[in-house]
Amino acid sequence: VLRCEPSAYGPAAACTVRDAGRWSGAQIPDRAAVEAATCEEGGRGLYIARELADSLTVRATRYRPGTAVTATFTVRNAA
């Protein structure tokens, strides 16, 4: 889901992605952990989203299985 939201810094694009995975509440890996796990199949998506987005929210959905991740990108100096 992609939507436009107001923010304190101007308009923002918020992108929410849901999947069937179950968020365990583990910490999002840092750069060293991602580089150390070069042969791993996954585990880089949240790191990349955190690095690119102005804010990142990860939450387990309450009433159905899965995880929802929302990355927000603020549009600065919009004309």
Protein backbone atom coordinates (compact mmCIF):
# COMPACT_ATOMS: atom_id res chain seq x y z
CA VAL A 1 0.00 0.00 0.00
CA LEU A 2 1.43 3.38 -1.01
CA ARG A 3 -0.11 6.56 0.35
CA CYS A 4 0.70 10.23 0.76
CA GLU A 5 0.69 11.60 4.32
CA PRO A 6 1.41 14.97 5.85
CA SER A 7 4.44 15.19 8.14
CA ALA A 8 6.20 17.86 10.15
CA TYR A 9 8.69 18.23 7.26
CA GLY A 10 6.24 18.29 4.37
CA PRO A 11 4.45 15.63 2.33
CA ALA A 12 5.62 12.05 2.86
CA ALA A 13 5.17 8.82 0.93
CA ALA A 14 4.39 5.90 3.22
CA CYS A 15 4.82 2.41 1.79
CA THR A 16 3.38 -0.52 3.78
CA VAL A 17 4.27 -4.10 2.90
CA ARG A 18 2.68 -7.13 4.57
CA ASP A 19 3.85 -10.72 4.45
CA ALA A 20 3.08 -14.01 6.15
CA GLY A 21 6.28 -13.95 8.21
CA ARG A 22 6.05 -13.55 11.95
CA TRP A 23 8.04 -10.66 13.41
CA SER A 24 9.80 -11.90 16.51
CA GLY A 25 10.71 -8.46 17.78
CA ALA A 26 14.36 -9.08 17.03
CA GLN A 27 16.57 -6.09 16.38
CA ILE A 28 17.00 -5.03 12.74
CA PRO A 29 20.50 -6.12 11.73
CA ASP A 30 23.23 -3.50 11.48
CA ARG A 31 25.74 -3.19 8.66
CA ALA A 32 28.31 -5.48 10.30
CA ALA A 33 25.75 -8.28 10.74
CA VAL A 34 24.58 -7.98 7.12
CA GLU A 35 28.15 -8.06 5.80
CA ALA A 36 29.02 -11.06 8.01
CA ALA A 37 26.07 -13.03 6.64
CA THR A 38 27.01 -12.78 2.97
CA CYS A 39 25.92 -16.38 2.24
CA GLU A 40 22.52 -16.10 3.93
CA GLU A 41 19.37 -16.18 1.76
CA GLY A 42 17.52 -13.37 3.53
CA GLY A 43 17.75 -10.83 6.29
CA ARG A 44 18.75 -7.77 4.30
CA GLY A 45 15.36 -6.24 3.50
CA LEU A 46 14.75 -4.51 6.83
CA TYR A 47 18.32 -3.25 6.92
CA ILE A 48 18.00 -1.73 3.43
CA ALA A 49 14.60 -0.21 4.24
CA ARG A 50 15.94 1.31 7.46
CA GLU A 51 18.91 2.83 5.64
CA LEU A 52 16.78 4.38 2.86
CA ALA A 53 13.64 5.49 4.71
CA ASP A 54 13.20 8.50 6.97
CA SER A 55 11.31 6.24 9.38
CA LEU A 56 10.59 2.54 9.61
CA THR A 57 7.91 0.74 11.61
CA VAL A 58 7.79 -3.04 11.95
CA ARG A 59 4.89 -4.72 13.69
CA ALA A 60 3.27 -8.11 13.98
CA THR A 61 -0.34 -7.97 12.90
CA ARG A 62 -2.78 -8.62 15.72
CA TYR A 63 -5.65 -10.60 14.28
CA ARG A 64 -4.06 -12.48 11.39
CA PRO A 65 -0.68 -14.07 10.79
CA GLY A 66 2.02 -11.89 9.33
CA THR A 67 4.14 -8.81 9.71
CA ALA A 68 3.57 -5.26 8.44
CA VAL A 69 6.50 -2.96 7.61
CA THR A 70 5.92 0.73 6.89
CA ALA A 71 8.73 2.81 5.39
CA THR A 72 8.13 6.55 5.22
CA PHE A 73 9.98 8.84 2.81
CA THR A 74 9.65 12.58 3.36
CA VAL A 75 9.60 14.84 0.32
CA ARG A 76 11.84 17.77 1.17
CA ASN A 77 11.72 21.04 -0.75
CA ALA A 78 8.68 19.98 -2.77
CA ALA A 79 7.66 22.56 -5.34
